[in-house]
PDB file of N, CA and C in Angstrom:
ATOM      1  N   MET A   1     -17.433 -77.542 -64.859  1.00  0.00           N
ATOM      2  CA  MET A   1     -17.140 -77.137 -63.513  1.00  0.00           C
ATOM      3  C   MET A   1     -15.642 -76.842 -63.403  1.00  0.00           C
ATOM      4  N   LYS A   2     -15.292 -75.689 -62.863  1.00  0.00           N
ATOM      5  CA  LYS A   2     -13.894 -75.295 -62.671  1.00  0.00           C
ATOM      6  C   LYS A   2     -13.467 -75.712 -61.265  1.00  0.00           C
ATOM      7  N   TYR A   3     -12.311 -76.389 -61.158  1.00  0.00           N
ATOM      8  CA  TYR A   3     -11.828 -76.868 -59.863  1.00  0.00           C
ATOM      9  C   TYR A   3     -10.836 -75.916 -59.219  1.00  0.00           C
ATOM     10  N   TRP A   4      -9.863 -75.428 -59.977  1.00  0.00           N
ATOM     11  CA  TRP A   4      -8.862 -74.507 -59.446  1.00  0.00           C
ATOM     12  C   TRP A   4      -8.236 -73.733 -60.596  1.00  0.00           C
ATOM     13  N   HIS A   5      -7.518 -72.671 -60.265  1.00  0.00           N
ATOM     14  CA  HIS A   5      -6.776 -71.925 -61.278  1.00  0.00           C
ATOM     15  C   HIS A   5      -5.468 -71.429 -60.668  1.00  0.00           C
ATOM     16  N   LYS A   6      -4.462 -71.231 -61.541  1.00  0.00           N
ATOM     17  CA  LYS A   6      -3.147 -70.759 -61.103  1.00  0.00           C
ATOM     18  C   LYS A   6      -2.592 -69.802 -62.153  1.00  0.00           C
ATOM     19  N   ARG A   7      -1.912 -68.777 -61.698  1.00  0.00           N
ATOM     20  CA  ARG A   7      -1.176 -67.897 -62.609  1.00  0.00           C
ATOM     21  C   ARG A   7       0.124 -68.612 -62.996  1.00  0.00           C
ATOM     22  N   VAL A   8       0.499 -68.498 -64.271  1.00  0.00           N
ATOM     23  CA  VAL A   8       1.711 -69.159 -64.762  1.00  0.00           C
ATOM     24  C   VAL A   8       2.564 -68.191 -65.569  1.00  0.00           C
ATOM     25  N   THR A   9       3.848 -68.515 -65.657  1.00  0.00           N
ATOM     26  CA  THR A   9       4.807 -67.774 -66.464  1.00  0.00           C
ATOM     27  C   THR A   9       5.499 -68.771 -67.393  1.00  0.00           C
ATOM     28  N   LEU A  10       5.672 -68.389 -68.639  1.00  0.00           N
ATOM     29  CA  LEU A  10       6.365 -69.243 -69.601  1.00  0.00           C
ATOM     30  C   LEU A  10       7.866 -69.158 -69.352  1.00  0.00           C
ATOM     31  N   ASP A  11       8.508 -70.309 -69.273  1.00  0.00           N
ATOM     32  CA  ASP A  11       9.944 -70.383 -69.041  1.00  0.00           C
ATOM     33  C   ASP A  11      10.487 -71.555 -69.867  1.00  0.00           C
ATOM     34  N   HIS A  12      11.718 -71.892 -69.680  1.00  0.00           N
ATOM     35  CA  HIS A  12      12.291 -73.049 -70.379  1.00  0.00           C
ATOM     36  C   HIS A  12      13.248 -73.786 -69.456  1.00  0.00           C
ATOM     37  N   GLU A  13      13.415 -75.057 -69.753  1.00  0.00           N
ATOM     38  CA  GLU A  13      14.372 -75.887 -69.036  1.00  0.00           C
ATOM     39  C   GLU A  13      15.272 -76.544 -70.070  1.00  0.00           C
ATOM     40  N   ILE A  14      16.491 -76.803 -69.682  1.00  0.00           N
ATOM     41  CA  ILE A  14      17.411 -77.518 -70.560  1.00  0.00           C
ATOM     42  C   ILE A  14      17.527 -78.940 -70.031  1.00  0.00           C
ATOM     43  N   THR A  15      17.210 -79.904 -70.891  1.00  0.00           N
ATOM     44  CA  THR A  15      17.276 -81.312 -70.517  1.00  0.00           C
ATOM     45  C   THR A  15      18.242 -82.030 -71.454  1.00  0.00           C
ATOM     46  N   MET A  16      18.598 -83.237 -71.096  1.00  0.00           N
ATOM     47  CA  MET A  16      19.478 -84.063 -71.924  1.00  0.00           C
ATOM     48  C   MET A  16      18.669 -85.236 -72.467  1.00  0.00           C
ATOM     49  N   ASP A  17      18.853 -85.521 -73.758  1.00  0.00           N
ATOM     50  CA  ASP A  17      18.210 -86.702 -74.321  1.00  0.00           C
ATOM     51  C   ASP A  17      19.084 -87.929 -74.054  1.00  0.00           C
ATOM     52  N   ASP A  18      18.673 -89.085 -74.544  1.00  0.00           N
ATOM     53  CA  ASP A  18      19.391 -90.334 -74.287  1.00  0.00           C
ATOM     54  C   ASP A  18      20.809 -90.346 -74.840  1.00  0.00           C
ATOM     55  N   GLU A  19      21.068 -89.525 -75.843  1.00  0.00           N
ATOM     56  CA  GLU A  19      22.393 -89.482 -76.451  1.00  0.00           C
ATOM     57  C   GLU A  19      23.276 -88.376 -75.882  1.00  0.00           C
ATOM     58  N   GLY A  20      22.792 -87.670 -74.851  1.00  0.00           N
ATOM     59  CA  GLY A  20      23.578 -86.621 -74.232  1.00  0.00           C
ATOM     60  C   GLY A  20      23.449 -85.256 -74.876  1.00  0.00           C
ATOM     61  N   ASN A  21      22.521 -85.102 -75.812  1.00  0.00           N
ATOM     62  CA  ASN A  21      22.300 -83.814 -76.468  1.00  0.00           C
ATOM     63  C   ASN A  21      21.348 -82.956 -75.631  1.00  0.00           C
ATOM     64  N   GLU A  22      21.633 -81.665 -75.582  1.00  0.00           N
ATOM     65  CA  GLU A  22      20.762 -80.752 -74.848  1.00  0.00           C
ATOM     66  C   GLU A  22      19.509 -80.450 -75.643  1.00  0.00           C
ATOM     67  N   GLU A  23      18.380 -80.391 -74.941  1.00  0.00           N
ATOM     68  CA  GLU A  23      17.110 -79.988 -75.532  1.00  0.00           C
ATOM     69  C   GLU A  23      16.534 -78.852 -74.691  1.00  0.00           C
ATOM     70  N   ILE A  24      15.980 -77.865 -75.332  1.00  0.00           N
ATOM     71  CA  ILE A  24      15.313 -76.778 -74.623  1.00  0.00           C
ATOM     72  C   ILE A  24      13.824 -77.081 -74.644  1.00  0.00           C
ATOM     73  N   VAL A  25      13.221 -77.159 -73.458  1.00  0.00           N
ATOM     74  CA  VAL A  25      11.818 -77.523 -73.314  1.00  0.00           C
ATOM     75  C   VAL A  25      11.059 -76.341 -72.710  1.00  0.00           C
ATOM     76  N   ALA A  26       9.965 -75.926 -73.348  1.00  0.00           N
ATOM     77  CA  ALA A  26       9.142 -74.837 -72.829  1.00  0.00           C
ATOM     78  C   ALA A  26       8.255 -75.370 -71.700  1.00  0.00           C
ATOM     79  N   VAL A  27       8.249 -74.653 -70.580  1.00  0.00           N
ATOM     80  CA  VAL A  27       7.448 -75.047 -69.421  1.00  0.00           C
ATOM     81  C   VAL A  27       6.631 -73.859 -68.927  1.00  0.00           C
ATOM     82  N   LEU A  28       5.532 -74.178 -68.272  1.00  0.00           N
ATOM     83  CA  LEU A  28       4.731 -73.178 -67.573  1.00  0.00           C
ATOM     84  C   LEU A  28       5.027 -73.346 -66.090  1.00  0.00           C
ATOM     85  N   VAL A  29       5.463 -72.279 -65.440  1.00  0.00           N
ATOM     86  CA  VAL A  29       5.780 -72.318 -64.015  1.00  0.00           C
ATOM     87  C   VAL A  29       4.674 -71.588 -63.272  1.00  0.00           C
ATOM     88  N   ALA A  30       3.977 -72.322 -62.409  1.00  0.00           N
ATOM     89  CA  ALA A  30       2.874 -71.746 -61.640  1.00  0.00           C
ATOM     90  C   ALA A  30       3.403 -70.976 -60.442  1.00  0.00           C
ATOM     91  N   GLU A  31       2.575 -70.097 -59.907  1.00  0.00           N
ATOM     92  CA  GLU A  31       2.975 -69.273 -58.773  1.00  0.00           C
ATOM     93  C   GLU A  31       3.295 -70.106 -57.532  1.00  0.00           C
ATOM     94  N   ASP A  32       2.781 -71.348 -57.466  1.00  0.00           N
ATOM     95  CA  ASP A  32       3.077 -72.211 -56.324  1.00  0.00           C
ATOM     96  C   ASP A  32       4.288 -73.111 -56.568  1.00  0.00           C
ATOM     97  N   GLY A  33       4.961 -72.935 -57.726  1.00  0.00           N
ATOM     98  CA  GLY A  33       6.160 -73.699 -58.037  1.00  0.00           C
ATOM     99  C   GLY A  33       5.925 -74.927 -58.904  1.00  0.00           C
ATOM    100  N   ASP A  34       4.671 -75.334 -59.104  1.00  0.00           N
ATOM    101  CA  ASP A  34       4.384 -76.464 -59.987  1.00  0.00           C
ATOM    102  C   ASP A  34       4.767 -76.104 -61.414  1.00  0.00           C
ATOM    103  N   THR A  35       5.248 -77.099 -62.177  1.00  0.00           N
ATOM    104  CA  THR A  35       5.595 -76.868 -63.576  1.00  0.00           C
ATOM    105  C   THR A  35       4.779 -77.795 -64.475  1.00  0.00           C
ATOM    106  N   TYR A  36       4.473 -77.302 -65.658  1.00  0.00           N
ATOM    107  CA  TYR A  36       3.693 -78.034 -66.652  1.00  0.00           C
ATOM    108  C   TYR A  36       4.410 -77.882 -67.986  1.00  0.00           C
ATOM    109  N   LEU A  37       4.580 -78.979 -68.715  1.00  0.00           N
ATOM    110  CA  LEU A  37       5.228 -78.922 -70.024  1.00  0.00           C
ATOM    111  C   LEU A  37       4.276 -78.311 -71.040  1.00  0.00           C
ATOM    112  N   LEU A  38       4.721 -77.271 -71.706  1.00  0.00           N
ATOM    113  CA  LEU A  38       3.873 -76.619 -72.706  1.00  0.00           C
ATOM    114  C   LEU A  38       3.542 -77.588 -73.844  1.00  0.00           C
ATOM    115  N   GLY A  39       4.448 -78.504 -74.148  1.00  0.00           N
ATOM    116  CA  GLY A  39       4.229 -79.476 -75.202  1.00  0.00           C
ATOM    117  C   GLY A  39       3.115 -80.465 -74.920  1.00  0.00           C
ATOM    118  N   ASP A  40       2.683 -80.564 -73.655  1.00  0.00           N
ATOM    119  CA  ASP A  40       1.572 -81.456 -73.309  1.00  0.00           C
ATOM    120  C   ASP A  40       0.214 -80.843 -73.636  1.00  0.00           C
ATOM    121  N   PHE A  41       0.196 -79.544 -73.938  1.00  0.00           N
ATOM    122  CA  PHE A  41      -1.047 -78.853 -74.259  1.00  0.00           C
ATOM    123  C   PHE A  41      -1.299 -78.899 -75.763  1.00  0.00           C
ATOM    124  N   ILE A  42      -2.560 -79.016 -76.149  1.00  0.00           N
ATOM    125  CA  ILE A  42      -2.964 -79.003 -77.551  1.00  0.00           C
ATOM    126  C   ILE A  42      -3.605 -77.659 -77.845  1.00  0.00           C
ATOM    127  N   ARG A  43      -3.130 -77.009 -78.885  1.00  0.00           N
ATOM    128  CA  ARG A  43      -3.649 -75.679 -79.260  1.00  0.00           C
ATOM    129  C   ARG A  43      -5.138 -75.757 -79.582  1.00  0.00           C
ATOM    130  N   SER A  44      -5.875 -74.769 -79.098  1.00  0.00           N
ATOM    131  CA  SER A  44      -7.312 -74.681 -79.360  1.00  0.00           C
ATOM    132  C   SER A  44      -7.566 -73.470 -80.246  1.00  0.00           C
ATOM    133  N   ASP A  45      -8.299 -73.671 -81.331  1.00  0.00           N
ATOM    134  CA  ASP A  45      -8.556 -72.581 -82.274  1.00  0.00           C
ATOM    135  C   ASP A  45      -9.750 -71.721 -81.910  1.00  0.00           C
ATOM    136  N   GLY A  46     -10.507 -72.112 -80.935  1.00  0.00           N
ATOM    137  CA  GLY A  46     -11.668 -71.314 -80.566  1.00  0.00           C
ATOM    138  C   GLY A  46     -12.081 -71.611 -79.140  1.00  0.00           C
ATOM    139  N   GLY A  47     -13.022 -70.873 -78.671  1.00  0.00           N
ATOM    140  CA  GLY A  47     -13.504 -71.109 -77.319  1.00  0.00           C
ATOM    141  C   GLY A  47     -12.746 -70.319 -76.274  1.00  0.00           C
ATOM    142  N   ARG A  48     -12.912 -70.723 -75.059  1.00  0.00           N
ATOM    143  CA  ARG A  48     -12.372 -70.008 -73.906  1.00  0.00           C
ATOM    144  C   ARG A  48     -10.860 -70.150 -73.752  1.00  0.00           C
ATOM    145  N   TYR A  49     -10.306 -71.308 -74.108  1.00  0.00           N
ATOM    146  CA  TYR A  49      -8.906 -71.601 -73.827  1.00  0.00           C
ATOM    147  C   TYR A  49      -8.046 -71.520 -75.088  1.00  0.00           C
ATOM    148  N   ASP A  50      -6.790 -71.081 -74.907  1.00  0.00           N
ATOM    149  CA  ASP A  50      -5.831 -71.062 -76.010  1.00  0.00           C
ATOM    150  C   ASP A  50      -5.251 -72.449 -76.251  1.00  0.00           C
ATOM    151  N   ALA A  51      -5.197 -73.270 -75.204  1.00  0.00           N
ATOM    152  CA  ALA A  51      -4.694 -74.635 -75.315  1.00  0.00           C
ATOM    153  C   ALA A  51      -5.289 -75.465 -74.180  1.00  0.00           C
ATOM    154  N   VAL A  52      -5.357 -76.781 -74.396  1.00  0.00           N
ATOM    155  CA  VAL A  52      -5.955 -77.679 -73.406  1.00  0.00           C
ATOM    156  C   VAL A  52      -5.074 -78.914 -73.270  1.00  0.00           C
ATOM    157  N   MET A  53      -4.956 -79.420 -72.026  1.00  0.00           N
ATOM    158  CA  MET A  53      -4.229 -80.652 -71.749  1.00  0.00           C
ATOM    159  C   MET A  53      -5.179 -81.609 -71.040  1.00  0.00           C
ATOM    160  N   GLY A  54      -5.341 -82.805 -71.571  1.00  0.00           N
ATOM    161  CA  GLY A  54      -6.177 -83.808 -70.928  1.00  0.00           C
ATOM    162  C   GLY A  54      -5.504 -84.362 -69.692  1.00  0.00           C
ATOM    163  N   VAL A  55      -6.270 -84.523 -68.618  1.00  0.00           N
ATOM    164  CA  VAL A  55      -5.749 -85.103 -67.386  1.00  0.00           C
ATOM    165  C   VAL A  55      -6.327 -86.502 -67.191  1.00  0.00           C
ATOM    166  N   SER A  56      -7.603 -86.642 -67.420  1.00  0.00           N
ATOM    167  CA  SER A  56      -8.281 -87.937 -67.368  1.00  0.00           C
ATOM    168  C   SER A  56      -9.391 -87.903 -68.407  1.00  0.00           C
ATOM    169  N   ASN A  57     -10.206 -88.941 -68.451  1.00  0.00           N
ATOM    170  CA  ASN A  57     -11.283 -88.944 -69.436  1.00  0.00           C
ATOM    171  C   ASN A  57     -12.426 -88.009 -69.049  1.00  0.00           C
ATOM    172  N   THR A  58     -12.372 -87.415 -67.856  1.00  0.00           N
ATOM    173  CA  THR A  58     -13.433 -86.487 -67.449  1.00  0.00           C
ATOM    174  C   THR A  58     -12.932 -85.122 -67.005  1.00  0.00           C
ATOM    175  N   SER A  59     -11.615 -84.882 -67.045  1.00  0.00           N
ATOM    176  CA  SER A  59     -11.100 -83.581 -66.624  1.00  0.00           C
ATOM    177  C   SER A  59      -9.914 -83.163 -67.482  1.00  0.00           C
ATOM    178  N   ALA A  60      -9.630 -81.867 -67.462  1.00  0.00           N
ATOM    179  CA  ALA A  60      -8.551 -81.300 -68.273  1.00  0.00           C
ATOM    180  C   ALA A  60      -8.042 -80.026 -67.616  1.00  0.00           C
ATOM    181  N   ILE A  61      -6.947 -79.507 -68.165  1.00  0.00           N
ATOM    182  CA  ILE A  61      -6.399 -78.215 -67.747  1.00  0.00           C
ATOM    183  C   ILE A  61      -6.395 -77.316 -68.974  1.00  0.00           C
ATOM    184  N   GLY A  62      -7.004 -76.151 -68.841  1.00  0.00           N
ATOM    185  CA  GLY A  62      -7.040 -75.188 -69.924  1.00  0.00           C
ATOM    186  C   GLY A  62      -6.057 -74.060 -69.672  1.00  0.00           C
ATOM    187  N   LEU A  63      -5.434 -73.567 -70.725  1.00  0.00           N
ATOM    188  CA  LEU A  63      -4.469 -72.466 -70.650  1.00  0.00           C
ATOM    189  C   LEU A  63      -5.049 -71.239 -71.339  1.00  0.00           C
ATOM    190  N   ILE A  64      -5.059 -70.132 -70.620  1.00  0.00           N
ATOM    191  CA  ILE A  64      -5.453 -68.840 -71.184  1.00  0.00           C
ATOM    192  C   ILE A  64      -4.211 -67.956 -71.158  1.00  0.00           C
ATOM    193  N   LEU A  65      -3.678 -67.628 -72.331  1.00  0.00           N
ATOM    194  CA  LEU A  65      -2.467 -66.818 -72.410  1.00  0.00           C
ATOM    195  C   LEU A  65      -2.776 -65.345 -72.210  1.00  0.00           C
ATOM    196  N   GLY A  66      -1.836 -64.626 -71.591  1.00  0.00           N
ATOM    197  CA  GLY A  66      -1.954 -63.190 -71.453  1.00  0.00           C
ATOM    198  C   GLY A  66      -1.591 -62.501 -72.765  1.00  0.00           C
ATOM    199  N   ALA A  67      -1.811 -61.212 -72.827  1.00  0.00           N
ATOM    200  CA  ALA A  67      -1.530 -60.444 -74.042  1.00  0.00           C
ATOM    201  C   ALA A  67      -0.053 -60.484 -74.421  1.00  0.00           C
ATOM    202  N   ASP A  68       0.832 -60.670 -73.436  1.00  0.00           N
ATOM    203  CA  ASP A  68       2.271 -60.713 -73.707  1.00  0.00           C
ATOM    204  C   ASP A  68       2.766 -62.097 -74.146  1.00  0.00           C
ATOM    205  N   ASN A  69       1.901 -63.105 -74.088  1.00  0.00           N
ATOM    206  CA  ASN A  69       2.219 -64.501 -74.402  1.00  0.00           C
ATOM    207  C   ASN A  69       3.313 -65.088 -73.521  1.00  0.00           C
ATOM    208  N   ASP A  70       3.731 -64.396 -72.466  1.00  0.00           N
ATOM    209  CA  ASP A  70       4.716 -64.915 -71.524  1.00  0.00           C
ATOM    210  C   ASP A  70       4.101 -65.251 -70.178  1.00  0.00           C
ATOM    211  N   THR A  71       2.849 -64.875 -69.978  1.00  0.00           N
ATOM    212  CA  THR A  71       2.137 -65.160 -68.741  1.00  0.00           C
ATOM    213  C   THR A  71       0.751 -65.683 -69.098  1.00  0.00           C
ATOM    214  N   GLY A  72       0.088 -66.233 -68.121  1.00  0.00           N
ATOM    215  CA  GLY A  72      -1.270 -66.716 -68.375  1.00  0.00           C
ATOM    216  C   GLY A  72      -1.876 -67.324 -67.117  1.00  0.00           C
ATOM    217  N   ILE A  73      -2.966 -68.025 -67.328  1.00  0.00           N
ATOM    218  CA  ILE A  73      -3.684 -68.696 -66.245  1.00  0.00           C
ATOM    219  C   ILE A  73      -4.009 -70.095 -66.729  1.00  0.00           C
ATOM    220  N   ILE A  74      -3.796 -71.089 -65.859  1.00  0.00           N
ATOM    221  CA  ILE A  74      -4.275 -72.424 -66.158  1.00  0.00           C
ATOM    222  C   ILE A  74      -5.434 -72.721 -65.221  1.00  0.00           C
ATOM    223  N   GLN A  75      -6.411 -73.459 -65.732  1.00  0.00           N
ATOM    224  CA  GLN A  75      -7.600 -73.811 -64.949  1.00  0.00           C
ATOM    225  C   GLN A  75      -7.880 -75.290 -65.126  1.00  0.00           C
ATOM    226  N   ALA A  76      -8.078 -75.999 -64.008  1.00  0.00           N
ATOM    227  CA  ALA A  76      -8.513 -77.386 -64.073  1.00  0.00           C
ATOM    228  C   ALA A  76     -10.036 -77.388 -64.119  1.00  0.00           C
ATOM    229  N   PHE A  77     -10.573 -78.198 -65.017  1.00  0.00           N
ATOM    230  CA  PHE A  77     -12.028 -78.286 -65.128  1.00  0.00           C
ATOM    231  C   PHE A  77     -12.441 -79.694 -65.513  1.00  0.00           C
ATOM    232  N   GLY A  78     -13.703 -79.973 -65.330  1.00  0.00           N
ATOM    233  CA  GLY A  78     -14.195 -81.312 -65.667  1.00  0.00           C
ATOM    234  C   GLY A  78     -15.674 -81.291 -65.906  1.00  0.00           C
TER     235      GLY A  78
END
């Protein structure tokens, strides 16, 4: 069952680690302003989604990348 979907754009954020070093983190920015860390998604080799992120033991968020690999759609399902 699909609960919702959002268009996303791949972007990056610069964060600081505990030692003060800069890290570049890839994020997905949704059209409503929500952000999701790309590193939280696990690559999928087959099926409908290019990557999946677990939310609970009964639901997840799937990522479908666009042809340009800079845009896509995320869908919550369970």
